[in-house]
Protein backbone atom coordinates (compact mmCIF):
# COMPACT_ATOMS: atom_id res chain seq x y z
CA MET A 1 -241.26 -65.07 44.76
CA THR A 2 -245.00 -64.68 45.29
CA LEU A 3 -246.19 -62.44 48.08
CA PRO A 4 -249.74 -61.78 49.20
CA VAL A 5 -250.78 -58.33 48.06
CA PRO A 6 -253.01 -56.69 50.68
CA SER A 7 -256.04 -54.70 49.69
CA PRO A 8 -257.02 -51.36 51.21
CA PRO A 9 -260.02 -51.66 53.54
CA ALA A 10 -263.47 -51.38 51.94
CA GLY A 11 -264.48 -47.74 51.65
CA SER A 12 -260.88 -46.62 52.03
CA PRO A 13 -260.15 -43.09 50.77
CA LEU A 14 -256.77 -44.37 49.54
CA GLU A 15 -257.06 -43.97 45.74
CA LEU A 16 -253.75 -43.27 44.03
CA GLY A 17 -254.45 -43.96 40.36
CA GLY A 18 -252.21 -41.81 38.15
CA LYS A 19 -249.71 -41.18 40.96
CA THR A 20 -246.17 -42.48 41.40
CA ALA A 21 -244.86 -43.52 44.82
CA LEU A 22 -241.15 -43.78 45.57
CA VAL A 23 -240.75 -46.25 48.44
CA THR A 24 -237.38 -46.56 50.14
CA GLY A 25 -236.68 -49.81 51.94
CA ALA A 26 -239.11 -51.57 49.60
CA GLY A 27 -236.98 -54.71 49.50
CA ALA A 28 -238.27 -56.07 52.82
CA GLY A 29 -240.37 -55.56 55.91
CA ILE A 30 -242.46 -52.46 56.38
CA GLY A 31 -241.13 -50.85 53.19
CA ARG A 32 -242.23 -53.84 51.11
CA SER A 33 -245.66 -53.86 52.77
CA ILE A 34 -246.09 -50.15 52.09
CA ALA A 35 -245.09 -50.62 48.43
CA LEU A 36 -247.67 -53.41 48.03
CA VAL A 37 -250.48 -51.41 49.65
CA LEU A 38 -249.71 -48.34 47.55
CA ALA A 39 -249.74 -50.48 44.41
CA THR A 40 -253.14 -51.96 45.25
CA ALA A 41 -254.40 -48.39 45.72
CA GLY A 42 -253.41 -47.72 42.11
CA ALA A 43 -250.01 -46.04 42.44
CA ARG A 44 -247.12 -46.86 40.15
CA VAL A 45 -244.36 -47.85 42.57
CA VAL A 46 -240.62 -47.25 42.33
CA ALA A 47 -239.13 -49.76 44.77
CA VAL A 48 -235.80 -48.56 46.20
CA GLY A 49 -233.45 -50.69 48.27
CA TYR A 50 -229.77 -51.13 48.94
CA ASP A 51 -230.21 -54.78 47.98
CA GLY A 52 -231.09 -54.62 44.30
CA GLN A 53 -232.38 -58.20 44.17
CA SER A 54 -235.00 -57.72 46.88
CA ALA A 55 -236.17 -54.42 45.37
CA ARG A 56 -236.53 -56.19 42.01
CA GLU A 57 -238.54 -58.97 43.71
CA THR A 58 -240.94 -56.41 45.18
CA ALA A 59 -241.35 -54.72 41.79
CA ALA A 60 -241.90 -58.11 40.13
CA CYS A 61 -244.55 -59.03 42.69
CA ILE A 62 -246.40 -55.79 42.00
CA ALA A 63 -246.10 -56.22 38.23
CA GLY A 64 -247.25 -59.84 38.51
CA SER A 65 -250.40 -58.61 40.24
CA GLY A 66 -251.15 -56.21 37.40
CA GLY A 67 -249.61 -53.07 38.89
CA GLY A 68 -246.93 -50.79 37.54
CA ALA A 69 -243.53 -50.96 39.19
CA SER A 70 -239.81 -50.55 38.70
CA SER A 71 -236.83 -50.90 41.02
CA VAL A 72 -233.70 -48.94 41.89
CA ALA A 73 -230.76 -50.10 43.98
């Protein structure tokens, strides 16, 4: 599954290189959107969701865009 990965606004103070973000609910909706934004800001994302497949899809989307990600169900 390919999802559009949003970019932080130009001049955004959101710079998370070297940080790890644990995002619950990352399999869908707002949680997925938050995971994608944090990844574009440079964070390594751990996508957590009760549905392991959707959390893996979010992590794969991030990894496919060059970010670091893993998933936990």
